[in-house]
Amino acid sequence: MMLKNKLIGKIVHGIEQSVKGIALHLSILQPRDKAI
């Protein structure tokens, strides 16, 4: 059970990191779109 929870935790962390990365890219792109 512990190993399974650690694996799920790693997967969730990976997803969170990629979501943050995507959100960062979008937040960089959005102000430029609004400025135009």
PDB file of N, CA and C in Angstrom:
ATOM      1  N   MET A   1       0.826  -1.220   0.000  1.00  0.00           N
ATOM      2  CA  MET A   1       0.000   0.000   0.000  1.00  0.00           C
ATOM      3  C   MET A   1       0.856   1.264   0.000  1.00  0.00           C
ATOM      4  N   MET A   2       1.908   1.262   0.816  1.00  0.00           N
ATOM      5  CA  MET A   2       2.771   2.438   0.906  1.00  0.00           C
ATOM      6  C   MET A   2       3.422   2.752  -0.432  1.00  0.00           C
ATOM      7  N   LEU A   3       3.926   1.706  -1.111  1.00  0.00           N
ATOM      8  CA  LEU A   3       4.574   1.917  -2.403  1.00  0.00           C
ATOM      9  C   LEU A   3       3.590   2.465  -3.425  1.00  0.00           C
ATOM     10  N   LYS A   4       2.366   1.946  -3.401  1.00  0.00           N
ATOM     11  CA  LYS A   4       1.328   2.410  -4.325  1.00  0.00           C
ATOM     12  C   LYS A   4       1.024   3.889  -4.081  1.00  0.00           C
ATOM     13  N   ASN A   5       0.932   4.270  -2.807  1.00  0.00           N
ATOM     14  CA  ASN A   5       0.656   5.674  -2.471  1.00  0.00           C
ATOM     15  C   ASN A   5       1.793   6.581  -2.915  1.00  0.00           C
ATOM     16  N   LYS A   6       3.041   6.116  -2.768  1.00  0.00           N
ATOM     17  CA  LYS A   6       4.200   6.902  -3.204  1.00  0.00           C
ATOM     18  C   LYS A   6       4.167   7.091  -4.710  1.00  0.00           C
ATOM     19  N   LEU A   7       3.818   6.029  -5.428  1.00  0.00           N
ATOM     20  CA  LEU A   7       3.743   6.084  -6.891  1.00  0.00           C
ATOM     21  C   LEU A   7       2.668   7.075  -7.332  1.00  0.00           C
ATOM     22  N   ILE A   8       1.504   7.002  -6.702  1.00  0.00           N
ATOM     23  CA  ILE A   8       0.404   7.931  -7.004  1.00  0.00           C
ATOM     24  C   ILE A   8       0.844   9.368  -6.698  1.00  0.00           C
ATOM     25  N   GLY A   9       1.527   9.546  -5.590  1.00  0.00           N
ATOM     26  CA  GLY A   9       2.031  10.864  -5.208  1.00  0.00           C
ATOM     27  C   GLY A   9       2.976  11.429  -6.254  1.00  0.00           C
ATOM     28  N   LYS A  10       3.865  10.578  -6.787  1.00  0.00           N
ATOM     29  CA  LYS A  10       4.805  11.013  -7.827  1.00  0.00           C
ATOM     30  C   LYS A  10       4.068  11.396  -9.101  1.00  0.00           C
ATOM     31  N   ILE A  11       3.079  10.610  -9.476  1.00  0.00           N
ATOM     32  CA  ILE A  11       2.289  10.889 -10.683  1.00  0.00           C
ATOM     33  C   ILE A  11       1.535  12.208 -10.526  1.00  0.00           C
ATOM     34  N   VAL A  12       0.884  12.379  -9.375  1.00  0.00           N
ATOM     35  CA  VAL A  12       0.133  13.612  -9.093  1.00  0.00           C
ATOM     36  C   VAL A  12       1.080  14.807  -9.118  1.00  0.00           C
ATOM     37  N   HIS A  13       2.259  14.672  -8.523  1.00  0.00           N
ATOM     38  CA  HIS A  13       3.248  15.751  -8.505  1.00  0.00           C
ATOM     39  C   HIS A  13       3.676  16.095  -9.929  1.00  0.00           C
ATOM     40  N   GLY A  14       3.902  15.077 -10.744  1.00  0.00           N
ATOM     41  CA  GLY A  14       4.272  15.288 -12.151  1.00  0.00           C
ATOM     42  C   GLY A  14       3.184  16.036 -12.905  1.00  0.00           C
ATOM     43  N   ILE A  15       1.945  15.659 -12.679  1.00  0.00           N
ATOM     44  CA  ILE A  15       0.804  16.335 -13.318  1.00  0.00           C
ATOM     45  C   ILE A  15       0.731  17.790 -12.852  1.00  0.00           C
ATOM     46  N   GLU A  16       0.900  18.013 -11.565  1.00  0.00           N
ATOM     47  CA  GLU A  16       0.879  19.377 -11.020  1.00  0.00           C
ATOM     48  C   GLU A  16       1.969  20.232 -11.647  1.00  0.00           C
ATOM     49  N   GLN A  17       3.173  19.676 -11.789  1.00  0.00           N
ATOM     50  CA  GLN A  17       4.287  20.408 -12.384  1.00  0.00           C
ATOM     51  C   GLN A  17       3.980  20.786 -13.829  1.00  0.00           C
ATOM     52  N   SER A  18       3.423  19.842 -14.600  1.00  0.00           N
ATOM     53  CA  SER A  18       3.105  20.114 -16.006  1.00  0.00           C
ATOM     54  C   SER A  18       1.963  21.128 -16.121  1.00  0.00           C
ATOM     55  N   VAL A  19       0.987  21.046 -15.205  1.00  0.00           N
ATOM     56  CA  VAL A  19      -0.114  22.023 -15.194  1.00  0.00           C
ATOM     57  C   VAL A  19       0.425  23.419 -14.880  1.00  0.00           C
ATOM     58  N   LYS A  20       1.338  23.502 -13.915  1.00  0.00           N
ATOM     59  CA  LYS A  20       1.951  24.786 -13.569  1.00  0.00           C
ATOM     60  C   LYS A  20       2.728  25.333 -14.763  1.00  0.00           C
ATOM     61  N   GLY A  21       3.433  24.458 -15.454  1.00  0.00           N
ATOM     62  CA  GLY A  21       4.190  24.860 -16.639  1.00  0.00           C
ATOM     63  C   GLY A  21       3.278  25.404 -17.727  1.00  0.00           C
ATOM     64  N   ILE A  22       2.168  24.720 -17.976  1.00  0.00           N
ATOM     65  CA  ILE A  22       1.197  25.158 -18.978  1.00  0.00           C
ATOM     66  C   ILE A  22       0.572  26.492 -18.553  1.00  0.00           C
ATOM     67  N   ALA A  23       0.204  26.601 -17.288  1.00  0.00           N
ATOM     68  CA  ALA A  23      -0.392  27.834 -16.761  1.00  0.00           C
ATOM     69  C   ALA A  23       0.580  28.999 -16.898  1.00  0.00           C
ATOM     70  N   LEU A  24       1.860  28.743 -16.646  1.00  0.00           N
ATOM     71  CA  LEU A  24       2.899  29.777 -16.782  1.00  0.00           C
ATOM     72  C   LEU A  24       2.979  30.252 -18.220  1.00  0.00           C
ATOM     73  N   HIS A  25       3.001  29.324 -19.171  1.00  0.00           N
ATOM     74  CA  HIS A  25       3.038  29.671 -20.595  1.00  0.00           C
ATOM     75  C   HIS A  25       1.806  30.492 -20.981  1.00  0.00           C
ATOM     76  N   LEU A  26       0.640  30.084 -20.496  1.00  0.00           N
ATOM     77  CA  LEU A  26      -0.602  30.802 -20.815  1.00  0.00           C
ATOM     78  C   LEU A  26      -0.590  32.209 -20.220  1.00  0.00           C
ATOM     79  N   SER A  27      -0.107  32.347 -18.998  1.00  0.00           N
ATOM     80  CA  SER A  27      -0.075  33.656 -18.343  1.00  0.00           C
ATOM     81  C   SER A  27       0.914  34.588 -19.037  1.00  0.00           C
ATOM     82  N   ILE A  28       1.960  34.020 -19.645  1.00  0.00           N
ATOM     83  CA  ILE A  28       2.923  34.817 -20.426  1.00  0.00           C
ATOM     84  C   ILE A  28       2.276  35.251 -21.746  1.00  0.00           C
ATOM     85  N   LEU A  29       1.508  34.369 -22.341  1.00  0.00           N
ATOM     86  CA  LEU A  29       0.896  34.654 -23.647  1.00  0.00           C
ATOM     87  C   LEU A  29      -0.311  35.587 -23.545  1.00  0.00           C
ATOM     88  N   GLN A  30      -1.127  35.429 -22.506  1.00  0.00           N
ATOM     89  CA  GLN A  30      -2.375  36.189 -22.390  1.00  0.00           C
ATOM     90  C   GLN A  30      -2.191  37.717 -22.368  1.00  0.00           C
ATOM     91  N   PRO A  31      -1.273  38.273 -21.545  1.00  0.00           N
ATOM     92  CA  PRO A  31      -1.130  39.732 -21.508  1.00  0.00           C
ATOM     93  C   PRO A  31      -0.799  40.325 -22.879  1.00  0.00           C
ATOM     94  N   ARG A  32      -0.001  39.620 -23.663  1.00  0.00           N
ATOM     95  CA  ARG A  32       0.358  40.095 -25.001  1.00  0.00           C
ATOM     96  C   ARG A  32      -0.874  40.138 -25.896  1.00  0.00           C
ATOM     97  N   ASP A  33      -1.716  39.099 -25.789  1.00  0.00           N
ATOM     98  CA  ASP A  33      -2.941  39.046 -26.593  1.00  0.00           C
ATOM     99  C   ASP A  33      -3.890  40.204 -26.217  1.00  0.00           C
ATOM    100  N   LYS A  34      -3.969  40.492 -24.916  1.00  0.00           N
ATOM    101  CA  LYS A  34      -4.851  41.559 -24.436  1.00  0.00           C
ATOM    102  C   LYS A  34      -4.310  42.933 -24.847  1.00  0.00           C
ATOM    103  N   ALA A  35      -2.984  43.080 -24.882  1.00  0.00           N
ATOM    104  CA  ALA A  35      -2.360  44.360 -25.216  1.00  0.00           C
ATOM    105  C   ALA A  35      -2.633  44.728 -26.677  1.00  0.00           C
ATOM    106  N   ILE A  36      -2.702  43.735 -27.531  1.00  0.00           N
ATOM    107  CA  ILE A  36      -2.916  43.993 -28.971  1.00  0.00           C
ATOM    108  C   ILE A  36      -4.367  44.427 -29.210  1.00  0.00           C
TER     109      ILE A  36
END
